[in-house]
PDB file of N, CA and C in Angstrom:
ATOM      1  N   UNK A   1       1.369 -40.499   2.988  1.00  0.00           N
ATOM      2  CA  UNK A   1       0.640 -39.409   3.572  1.00  0.00           C
ATOM      3  C   UNK A   1      -0.091 -38.665   2.459  1.00  0.00           C
ATOM      4  N   UNK A   2      -1.367 -38.466   2.617  1.00  0.00           N
ATOM      5  CA  UNK A   2      -2.194 -37.818   1.597  1.00  0.00           C
ATOM      6  C   UNK A   2      -2.380 -36.344   1.950  1.00  0.00           C
ATOM      7  N   UNK A   3      -1.563 -35.485   1.324  1.00  0.00           N
ATOM      8  CA  UNK A   3      -1.620 -34.055   1.618  1.00  0.00           C
ATOM      9  C   UNK A   3      -2.922 -33.432   1.137  1.00  0.00           C
ATOM     10  N   UNK A   4      -3.487 -33.968   0.081  1.00  0.00           N
ATOM     11  CA  UNK A   4      -4.743 -33.431  -0.434  1.00  0.00           C
ATOM     12  C   UNK A   4      -5.847 -33.572   0.605  1.00  0.00           C
ATOM     13  N   UNK A   5      -5.912 -34.693   1.267  1.00  0.00           N
ATOM     14  CA  UNK A   5      -6.930 -34.901   2.302  1.00  0.00           C
ATOM     15  C   UNK A   5      -6.703 -33.956   3.481  1.00  0.00           C
ATOM     16  N   UNK A   6      -5.446 -33.767   3.857  1.00  0.00           N
ATOM     17  CA  UNK A   6      -5.145 -32.855   4.959  1.00  0.00           C
ATOM     18  C   UNK A   6      -5.509 -31.417   4.608  1.00  0.00           C
ATOM     19  N   UNK A   7      -5.166 -30.996   3.399  1.00  0.00           N
ATOM     20  CA  UNK A   7      -5.475 -29.635   2.979  1.00  0.00           C
ATOM     21  C   UNK A   7      -6.976 -29.407   2.850  1.00  0.00           C
ATOM     22  N   UNK A   8      -7.696 -30.406   2.369  1.00  0.00           N
ATOM     23  CA  UNK A   8      -9.147 -30.277   2.264  1.00  0.00           C
ATOM     24  C   UNK A   8      -9.782 -30.115   3.636  1.00  0.00           C
ATOM     25  N   UNK A   9      -9.317 -30.870   4.623  1.00  0.00           N
ATOM     26  CA  UNK A   9      -9.851 -30.751   5.980  1.00  0.00           C
ATOM     27  C   UNK A   9      -9.544 -29.384   6.563  1.00  0.00           C
ATOM     28  N   UNK A  10      -8.317 -28.895   6.362  1.00  0.00           N
ATOM     29  CA  UNK A  10      -7.943 -27.576   6.882  1.00  0.00           C
ATOM     30  C   UNK A  10      -8.746 -26.477   6.201  1.00  0.00           C
ATOM     31  N   UNK A  11      -8.959 -26.599   4.906  1.00  0.00           N
ATOM     32  CA  UNK A  11      -9.741 -25.602   4.170  1.00  0.00           C
ATOM     33  C   UNK A  11     -11.188 -25.604   4.629  1.00  0.00           C
ATOM     34  N   UNK A  12     -11.751 -26.766   4.806  1.00  0.00           N
ATOM     35  CA  UNK A  12     -13.140 -26.855   5.265  1.00  0.00           C
ATOM     36  C   UNK A  12     -13.278 -26.299   6.681  1.00  0.00           C
ATOM     37  N   UNK A  13     -12.312 -26.583   7.544  1.00  0.00           N
ATOM     38  CA  UNK A  13     -12.374 -26.088   8.922  1.00  0.00           C
ATOM     39  C   UNK A  13     -12.296 -24.565   8.958  1.00  0.00           C
ATOM     40  N   UNK A  14     -11.413 -23.976   8.125  1.00  0.00           N
ATOM     41  CA  UNK A  14     -11.216 -22.528   8.176  1.00  0.00           C
ATOM     42  C   UNK A  14     -12.267 -21.760   7.383  1.00  0.00           C
ATOM     43  N   UNK A  15     -13.192 -22.442   6.738  1.00  0.00           N
ATOM     44  CA  UNK A  15     -14.204 -21.729   5.968  1.00  0.00           C
ATOM     45  C   UNK A  15     -15.593 -21.802   6.595  1.00  0.00           C
ATOM     46  N   UNK A  16     -15.749 -22.533   7.698  1.00  0.00           N
ATOM     47  CA  UNK A  16     -17.069 -22.674   8.322  1.00  0.00           C
ATOM     48  C   UNK A  16     -16.970 -22.577   9.836  1.00  0.00           C
ATOM     49  N   UNK A  17     -17.982 -22.006  10.456  1.00  0.00           N
ATOM     50  CA  UNK A  17     -18.149 -22.038  11.903  1.00  0.00           C
ATOM     51  C   UNK A  17     -17.003 -21.444  12.689  1.00  0.00           C
ATOM     52  N   UNK A  18     -16.596 -22.174  13.737  1.00  0.00           N
ATOM     53  CA  UNK A  18     -15.553 -21.694  14.645  1.00  0.00           C
ATOM     54  C   UNK A  18     -14.212 -21.556  13.931  1.00  0.00           C
ATOM     55  N   UNK A  19     -13.953 -22.379  12.949  1.00  0.00           N
ATOM     56  CA  UNK A  19     -12.714 -22.270  12.187  1.00  0.00           C
ATOM     57  C   UNK A  19     -12.632 -20.956  11.437  1.00  0.00           C
ATOM     58  N   UNK A  20     -13.751 -20.510  10.888  1.00  0.00           N
ATOM     59  CA  UNK A  20     -13.799 -19.222  10.199  1.00  0.00           C
ATOM     60  C   UNK A  20     -13.561 -18.091  11.177  1.00  0.00           C
ATOM     61  N   UNK A  21     -14.146 -18.187  12.351  1.00  0.00           N
ATOM     62  CA  UNK A  21     -13.952 -17.175  13.388  1.00  0.00           C
ATOM     63  C   UNK A  21     -12.487 -17.097  13.807  1.00  0.00           C
ATOM     64  N   UNK A  22     -11.857 -18.246  14.027  1.00  0.00           N
ATOM     65  CA  UNK A  22     -10.449 -18.268  14.421  1.00  0.00           C
ATOM     66  C   UNK A  22      -9.544 -17.734  13.312  1.00  0.00           C
ATOM     67  N   UNK A  23      -9.875 -18.042  12.070  1.00  0.00           N
ATOM     68  CA  UNK A  23      -9.091 -17.531  10.941  1.00  0.00           C
ATOM     69  C   UNK A  23      -9.213 -16.008  10.854  1.00  0.00           C
ATOM     70  N   UNK A  24     -10.403 -15.479  11.096  1.00  0.00           N
ATOM     71  CA  UNK A  24     -10.594 -14.025  11.085  1.00  0.00           C
ATOM     72  C   UNK A  24      -9.802 -13.358  12.194  1.00  0.00           C
ATOM     73  N   UNK A  25      -9.804 -13.935  13.390  1.00  0.00           N
ATOM     74  CA  UNK A  25      -9.032 -13.398  14.510  1.00  0.00           C
ATOM     75  C   UNK A  25      -7.540 -13.418  14.166  1.00  0.00           C
ATOM     76  N   UNK A  26      -7.074 -14.496  13.551  1.00  0.00           N
ATOM     77  CA  UNK A  26      -5.677 -14.582  13.141  1.00  0.00           C
ATOM     78  C   UNK A  26      -5.313 -13.510  12.131  1.00  0.00           C
ATOM     79  N   UNK A  27      -6.202 -13.259  11.166  1.00  0.00           N
ATOM     80  CA  UNK A  27      -5.947 -12.211  10.174  1.00  0.00           C
ATOM     81  C   UNK A  27      -5.904 -10.831  10.817  1.00  0.00           C
ATOM     82  N   UNK A  28      -6.806 -10.579  11.762  1.00  0.00           N
ATOM     83  CA  UNK A  28      -6.825  -9.290  12.455  1.00  0.00           C
ATOM     84  C   UNK A  28      -5.534  -9.087  13.234  1.00  0.00           C
ATOM     85  N   UNK A  29      -5.114 -10.100  13.977  1.00  0.00           N
ATOM     86  CA  UNK A  29      -3.878  -9.989  14.747  1.00  0.00           C
ATOM     87  C   UNK A  29      -2.675  -9.781  13.834  1.00  0.00           C
ATOM     88  N   UNK A  30      -2.622 -10.498  12.744  1.00  0.00           N
ATOM     89  CA  UNK A  30      -1.512 -10.349  11.799  1.00  0.00           C
ATOM     90  C   UNK A  30      -1.478  -8.934  11.229  1.00  0.00           C
ATOM     91  N   UNK A  31      -2.646  -8.402  10.844  1.00  0.00           N
ATOM     92  CA  UNK A  31      -2.702  -7.057  10.278  1.00  0.00           C
ATOM     93  C   UNK A  31      -2.346  -5.989  11.307  1.00  0.00           C
ATOM     94  N   UNK A  32      -2.679  -6.218  12.575  1.00  0.00           N
ATOM     95  CA  UNK A  32      -2.310  -5.263  13.618  1.00  0.00           C
ATOM     96  C   UNK A  32      -0.816  -5.302  13.913  1.00  0.00           C
ATOM     97  N   UNK A  33      -0.247  -6.488  13.940  1.00  0.00           N
ATOM     98  CA  UNK A  33       1.165  -6.630  14.285  1.00  0.00           C
ATOM     99  C   UNK A  33       2.101  -6.303  13.129  1.00  0.00           C
ATOM    100  N   UNK A  34       1.665  -6.542  11.915  1.00  0.00           N
ATOM    101  CA  UNK A  34       2.513  -6.325  10.745  1.00  0.00           C
ATOM    102  C   UNK A  34       1.763  -5.483   9.716  1.00  0.00           C
ATOM    103  N   UNK A  35       1.654  -4.169   9.941  1.00  0.00           N
ATOM    104  CA  UNK A  35       0.898  -3.319   9.008  1.00  0.00           C
ATOM    105  C   UNK A  35       1.580  -3.235   7.644  1.00  0.00           C
ATOM    106  N   UNK A  36       0.779  -3.104   6.618  1.00  0.00           N
ATOM    107  CA  UNK A  36       1.297  -3.070   5.251  1.00  0.00           C
ATOM    108  C   UNK A  36       2.006  -1.757   4.939  1.00  0.00           C
ATOM    109  N   UNK A  37       1.629  -0.681   5.599  1.00  0.00           N
ATOM    110  CA  UNK A  37       2.186   0.632   5.280  1.00  0.00           C
ATOM    111  C   UNK A  37       3.223   1.073   6.304  1.00  0.00           C
ATOM    112  N   UNK A  38       3.965   0.163   6.841  1.00  0.00           N
ATOM    113  CA  UNK A  38       4.985   0.532   7.825  1.00  0.00           C
ATOM    114  C   UNK A  38       6.205   1.122   7.124  1.00  0.00           C
ATOM    115  N   UNK A  39       7.003   1.867   7.886  1.00  0.00           N
ATOM    116  CA  UNK A  39       8.199   2.481   7.332  1.00  0.00           C
ATOM    117  C   UNK A  39       9.225   1.411   6.978  1.00  0.00           C
ATOM    118  N   UNK A  40      10.027   1.680   5.951  1.00  0.00           N
ATOM    119  CA  UNK A  40      11.055   0.689   5.578  1.00  0.00           C
ATOM    120  C   UNK A  40      12.153   0.624   6.633  1.00  0.00           C
ATOM    121  N   UNK A  41      12.846  -0.462   6.647  1.00  0.00           N
ATOM    122  CA  UNK A  41      13.963  -0.640   7.576  1.00  0.00           C
ATOM    123  C   UNK A  41      15.106   0.289   7.185  1.00  0.00           C
ATOM    124  N   UNK A  42      15.759   0.833   8.196  1.00  0.00           N
ATOM    125  CA  UNK A  42      16.885   1.744   7.970  1.00  0.00           C
ATOM    126  C   UNK A  42      18.137   1.091   8.538  1.00  0.00           C
ATOM    127  N   UNK A  43      19.187   0.988   7.734  1.00  0.00           N
ATOM    128  CA  UNK A  43      20.404   0.365   8.256  1.00  0.00           C
ATOM    129  C   UNK A  43      21.031   1.244   9.350  1.00  0.00           C
ATOM    130  N   UNK A  44      21.533   0.617  10.391  1.00  0.00           N
ATOM    131  CA  UNK A  44      22.172   1.317  11.487  1.00  0.00           C
ATOM    132  C   UNK A  44      23.664   1.017  11.438  1.00  0.00           C
ATOM    133  N   UNK A  45      24.465   2.083  11.467  1.00  0.00           N
ATOM    134  CA  UNK A  45      25.912   1.889  11.434  1.00  0.00           C
ATOM    135  C   UNK A  45      26.394   1.407  12.798  1.00  0.00           C
ATOM    136  N   UNK A  46      27.229   0.407  12.780  1.00  0.00           N
ATOM    137  CA  UNK A  46      27.800  -0.108  14.019  1.00  0.00           C
ATOM    138  C   UNK A  46      29.202   0.458  14.199  1.00  0.00           C
ATOM    139  N   UNK A  47      29.583   0.742  15.446  1.00  0.00           N
ATOM    140  CA  UNK A  47      30.938   1.278  15.670  1.00  0.00           C
ATOM    141  C   UNK A  47      31.989   0.225  15.342  1.00  0.00           C
ATOM    142  N   UNK A  48      33.129   0.699  14.873  1.00  0.00           N
ATOM    143  CA  UNK A  48      34.198  -0.221  14.498  1.00  0.00           C
ATOM    144  C   UNK A  48      35.171  -0.418  15.613  1.00  0.00           C
TER     145      UNK A  48
END
């Protein structure tokens, strides 16, 4: 299996045309769902 050929095809697809559009939509959704400036996780005590 030639991973270089697979990666080149994926890179070319995501850098032109509809692939670029889909990659941008994916980035927008990721940034909306997982914001960089969110509050840190706080541990919750469980009853014993």
